[in-house]
């Protein structure tokens, strides 16, 4: 009998897309997992996602400012 590990929906740098589904990270699966993991400490989720947002902003190195708030924080 074999067991298969569930694939984690993690970001891939520098584009910050999901390694599994290819969508913009955090994808819906990643959001659901993060909400579950941080369910007892929602303020820590917002701190973690704020840090991720600023790292993504540095990695993306775009010419004009990108509003990543909706992507990284609004749902949390």
N, C-alpha and C. Protein backbone atom coordinates (compact mmCIF):
# COMPACT_ATOMS: atom_id res chain seq x y z
N UNK A 1 0.84 -1.17 0.00
CA UNK A 1 0.00 0.00 0.00
C UNK A 1 0.89 1.24 0.00
N UNK A 2 0.58 2.19 -0.86
CA UNK A 2 1.35 3.41 -0.94
C UNK A 2 0.49 4.59 -0.49
N UNK A 3 1.16 5.58 -0.01
CA UNK A 3 0.46 6.80 0.36
C UNK A 3 1.00 7.93 -0.49
N UNK A 4 0.10 8.75 -0.94
CA UNK A 4 0.50 9.90 -1.75
C UNK A 4 0.35 11.15 -0.92
N UNK A 5 1.37 11.97 -0.91
CA UNK A 5 1.27 13.24 -0.21
C UNK A 5 0.51 14.23 -1.07
N UNK A 6 -0.29 15.02 -0.41
CA UNK A 6 -1.02 16.07 -1.11
C UNK A 6 -0.02 17.14 -1.54
N UNK A 7 -0.09 17.53 -2.80
CA UNK A 7 0.83 18.55 -3.30
C UNK A 7 0.47 19.90 -2.69
N UNK A 8 1.49 20.61 -2.24
CA UNK A 8 1.27 21.92 -1.66
C UNK A 8 1.26 22.99 -2.73
N UNK A 9 0.34 23.89 -2.62
CA UNK A 9 0.23 25.01 -3.55
C UNK A 9 1.12 26.14 -3.04
N UNK A 10 2.39 26.07 -3.40
CA UNK A 10 3.38 27.06 -2.98
C UNK A 10 3.71 27.99 -4.14
N UNK A 11 4.26 29.15 -3.82
CA UNK A 11 4.63 30.11 -4.85
C UNK A 11 5.97 29.73 -5.49
N UNK A 12 6.13 30.16 -6.71
CA UNK A 12 7.37 29.95 -7.44
C UNK A 12 7.93 31.33 -7.75
N UNK A 13 9.16 31.55 -7.35
CA UNK A 13 9.78 32.86 -7.57
C UNK A 13 10.47 32.89 -8.91
N UNK A 14 10.56 33.98 -9.58
CA UNK A 14 10.20 35.34 -9.19
C UNK A 14 8.79 35.76 -9.62
N UNK A 15 8.05 34.92 -10.32
CA UNK A 15 6.75 35.36 -10.84
C UNK A 15 5.60 35.20 -9.85
N UNK A 16 5.81 34.47 -8.77
CA UNK A 16 4.83 34.28 -7.72
C UNK A 16 3.55 33.62 -8.22
N UNK A 17 3.70 32.66 -9.11
CA UNK A 17 2.58 31.82 -9.52
C UNK A 17 2.66 30.51 -8.76
N UNK A 18 1.54 29.84 -8.64
CA UNK A 18 1.47 28.58 -7.91
C UNK A 18 2.23 27.50 -8.67
N UNK A 19 3.03 26.72 -7.95
CA UNK A 19 3.81 25.64 -8.56
C UNK A 19 2.93 24.49 -9.06
N UNK A 20 1.75 24.34 -8.49
CA UNK A 20 0.88 23.22 -8.84
C UNK A 20 -0.12 23.60 -9.94
N UNK A 21 -0.90 24.65 -9.71
CA UNK A 21 -1.96 24.99 -10.67
C UNK A 21 -1.59 26.11 -11.63
N UNK A 22 -0.50 26.82 -11.37
CA UNK A 22 -0.05 27.88 -12.27
C UNK A 22 -0.76 29.21 -12.10
N UNK A 23 -1.74 29.27 -11.21
CA UNK A 23 -2.46 30.52 -10.98
C UNK A 23 -1.66 31.48 -10.13
N UNK A 24 -2.15 32.70 -10.04
CA UNK A 24 -1.50 33.71 -9.21
C UNK A 24 -1.54 33.25 -7.76
N UNK A 25 -0.36 33.20 -7.12
CA UNK A 25 -0.30 32.76 -5.72
C UNK A 25 -0.59 33.93 -4.80
N UNK A 26 -1.36 33.77 -3.78
CA UNK A 26 -1.97 32.54 -3.30
C UNK A 26 -3.23 32.19 -4.09
N UNK A 27 -3.23 31.00 -4.68
CA UNK A 27 -4.38 30.51 -5.43
C UNK A 27 -5.47 30.13 -4.43
N UNK A 28 -6.62 29.73 -4.92
CA UNK A 28 -7.73 29.43 -4.00
C UNK A 28 -7.40 28.27 -3.07
N UNK A 29 -6.66 27.26 -3.54
CA UNK A 29 -6.27 26.16 -2.67
C UNK A 29 -5.30 26.62 -1.59
N UNK A 30 -4.35 27.46 -1.95
CA UNK A 30 -3.39 27.99 -0.97
C UNK A 30 -4.11 28.86 0.05
N UNK A 31 -5.06 29.67 -0.40
CA UNK A 31 -5.81 30.52 0.53
C UNK A 31 -6.59 29.67 1.52
N UNK A 32 -7.25 28.64 1.03
CA UNK A 32 -8.02 27.76 1.92
C UNK A 32 -7.12 27.11 2.96
N UNK A 33 -5.97 26.64 2.54
CA UNK A 33 -5.04 26.00 3.48
C UNK A 33 -4.52 27.01 4.50
N UNK A 34 -4.16 28.20 4.03
CA UNK A 34 -3.66 29.23 4.94
C UNK A 34 -4.73 29.65 5.95
N UNK A 35 -5.96 29.82 5.49
CA UNK A 35 -7.03 30.18 6.40
C UNK A 35 -7.24 29.10 7.45
N UNK A 36 -7.11 27.85 7.05
CA UNK A 36 -7.25 26.75 8.01
C UNK A 36 -6.08 26.73 8.99
N UNK A 37 -4.87 26.86 8.47
CA UNK A 37 -3.69 26.80 9.34
C UNK A 37 -3.65 27.93 10.36
N UNK A 38 -4.09 29.10 9.96
CA UNK A 38 -4.03 30.28 10.84
C UNK A 38 -5.39 30.61 11.47
N UNK A 39 -6.31 29.66 11.49
CA UNK A 39 -7.66 29.92 11.97
C UNK A 39 -7.69 30.45 13.40
N UNK A 40 -6.77 30.04 14.23
CA UNK A 40 -6.74 30.50 15.62
C UNK A 40 -6.02 31.84 15.78
N UNK A 41 -5.25 32.22 14.76
CA UNK A 41 -4.45 33.45 14.83
C UNK A 41 -4.54 34.25 13.52
N UNK A 42 -5.71 34.79 13.20
CA UNK A 42 -5.87 35.50 11.94
C UNK A 42 -4.95 36.71 11.78
N UNK A 43 -4.58 37.34 12.88
CA UNK A 43 -3.67 38.49 12.77
C UNK A 43 -2.29 38.04 12.30
N UNK A 44 -1.86 36.85 12.70
CA UNK A 44 -0.58 36.32 12.22
C UNK A 44 -0.63 36.01 10.73
N UNK A 45 -1.78 35.58 10.24
CA UNK A 45 -1.93 35.34 8.80
C UNK A 45 -1.74 36.64 8.04
N UNK A 46 -2.32 37.72 8.53
CA UNK A 46 -2.17 39.01 7.84
C UNK A 46 -0.72 39.50 7.88
N UNK A 47 -0.03 39.27 8.99
CA UNK A 47 1.38 39.64 9.07
C UNK A 47 2.20 38.82 8.08
N UNK A 48 1.97 37.51 8.05
CA UNK A 48 2.68 36.63 7.12
C UNK A 48 2.42 37.04 5.67
N UNK A 49 1.15 37.30 5.34
CA UNK A 49 0.82 37.65 3.97
C UNK A 49 1.35 39.03 3.59
N UNK A 50 1.44 39.95 4.56
CA UNK A 50 2.05 41.25 4.29
C UNK A 50 3.51 41.08 3.90
N UNK A 51 4.22 40.23 4.62
CA UNK A 51 5.61 39.95 4.30
C UNK A 51 5.73 39.32 2.92
N UNK A 52 4.86 38.38 2.61
CA UNK A 52 4.89 37.74 1.30
C UNK A 52 4.62 38.75 0.18
N UNK A 53 3.70 39.68 0.43
CA UNK A 53 3.37 40.71 -0.56
C UNK A 53 4.59 41.58 -0.86
N UNK A 54 5.32 41.99 0.17
CA UNK A 54 6.49 42.83 -0.06
C UNK A 54 7.62 42.06 -0.74
N UNK A 55 7.77 40.79 -0.43
CA UNK A 55 8.76 39.98 -1.13
C UNK A 55 8.39 39.83 -2.60
N UNK A 56 7.11 39.63 -2.87
CA UNK A 56 6.65 39.50 -4.26
C UNK A 56 6.88 40.80 -5.02
N UNK A 57 6.62 41.91 -4.37
CA UNK A 57 6.82 43.21 -5.02
C UNK A 57 8.28 43.40 -5.41
N UNK A 58 9.19 43.00 -4.53
CA UNK A 58 10.62 43.10 -4.85
C UNK A 58 11.00 42.15 -5.99
N UNK A 59 10.48 40.93 -5.96
CA UNK A 59 10.81 39.94 -7.00
C UNK A 59 10.27 40.33 -8.36
N UNK A 60 9.09 40.90 -8.39
CA UNK A 60 8.46 41.21 -9.67
C UNK A 60 9.16 42.33 -10.42
N UNK A 61 9.78 43.24 -9.70
CA UNK A 61 10.57 44.33 -10.29
C UNK A 61 9.87 44.95 -11.50
N UNK A 62 8.68 45.46 -11.28
CA UNK A 62 7.92 46.09 -12.35
C UNK A 62 8.22 47.58 -12.41
N UNK A 63 7.99 48.18 -13.59
CA UNK A 63 8.26 49.60 -13.77
C UNK A 63 7.24 50.49 -13.06
N UNK A 64 5.99 50.07 -13.05
CA UNK A 64 4.97 50.85 -12.37
C UNK A 64 4.47 50.08 -11.15
N UNK A 65 3.99 50.81 -10.16
CA UNK A 65 3.53 50.14 -8.94
C UNK A 65 2.40 49.15 -9.24
N UNK A 66 2.44 48.03 -8.57
CA UNK A 66 1.43 47.00 -8.73
C UNK A 66 0.64 46.93 -7.43
N UNK A 67 -0.68 46.93 -7.54
CA UNK A 67 -1.50 46.81 -6.34
C UNK A 67 -1.69 45.34 -6.02
N UNK A 68 -0.93 44.86 -5.07
CA UNK A 68 -1.00 43.46 -4.68
C UNK A 68 -1.87 43.24 -3.45
N UNK A 69 -2.49 44.29 -2.96
CA UNK A 69 -3.31 44.18 -1.76
C UNK A 69 -4.43 43.15 -1.93
N UNK A 70 -5.16 43.23 -3.02
CA UNK A 70 -6.27 42.30 -3.25
C UNK A 70 -5.77 40.86 -3.30
N UNK A 71 -4.67 40.67 -3.94
CA UNK A 71 -4.12 39.33 -4.11
C UNK A 71 -3.60 38.73 -2.81
N UNK A 72 -2.94 39.53 -1.98
CA UNK A 72 -2.27 39.00 -0.81
C UNK A 72 -3.00 39.23 0.51
N UNK A 73 -3.78 40.30 0.62
CA UNK A 73 -4.32 40.64 1.93
C UNK A 73 -5.83 40.76 2.04
N UNK A 74 -6.51 41.21 1.03
CA UNK A 74 -7.93 41.48 1.15
C UNK A 74 -8.73 40.25 1.57
N UNK A 75 -8.38 39.11 1.09
CA UNK A 75 -9.12 37.87 1.41
C UNK A 75 -8.84 37.38 2.82
N UNK A 76 -7.72 37.79 3.38
CA UNK A 76 -7.35 37.30 4.72
C UNK A 76 -8.09 38.08 5.79
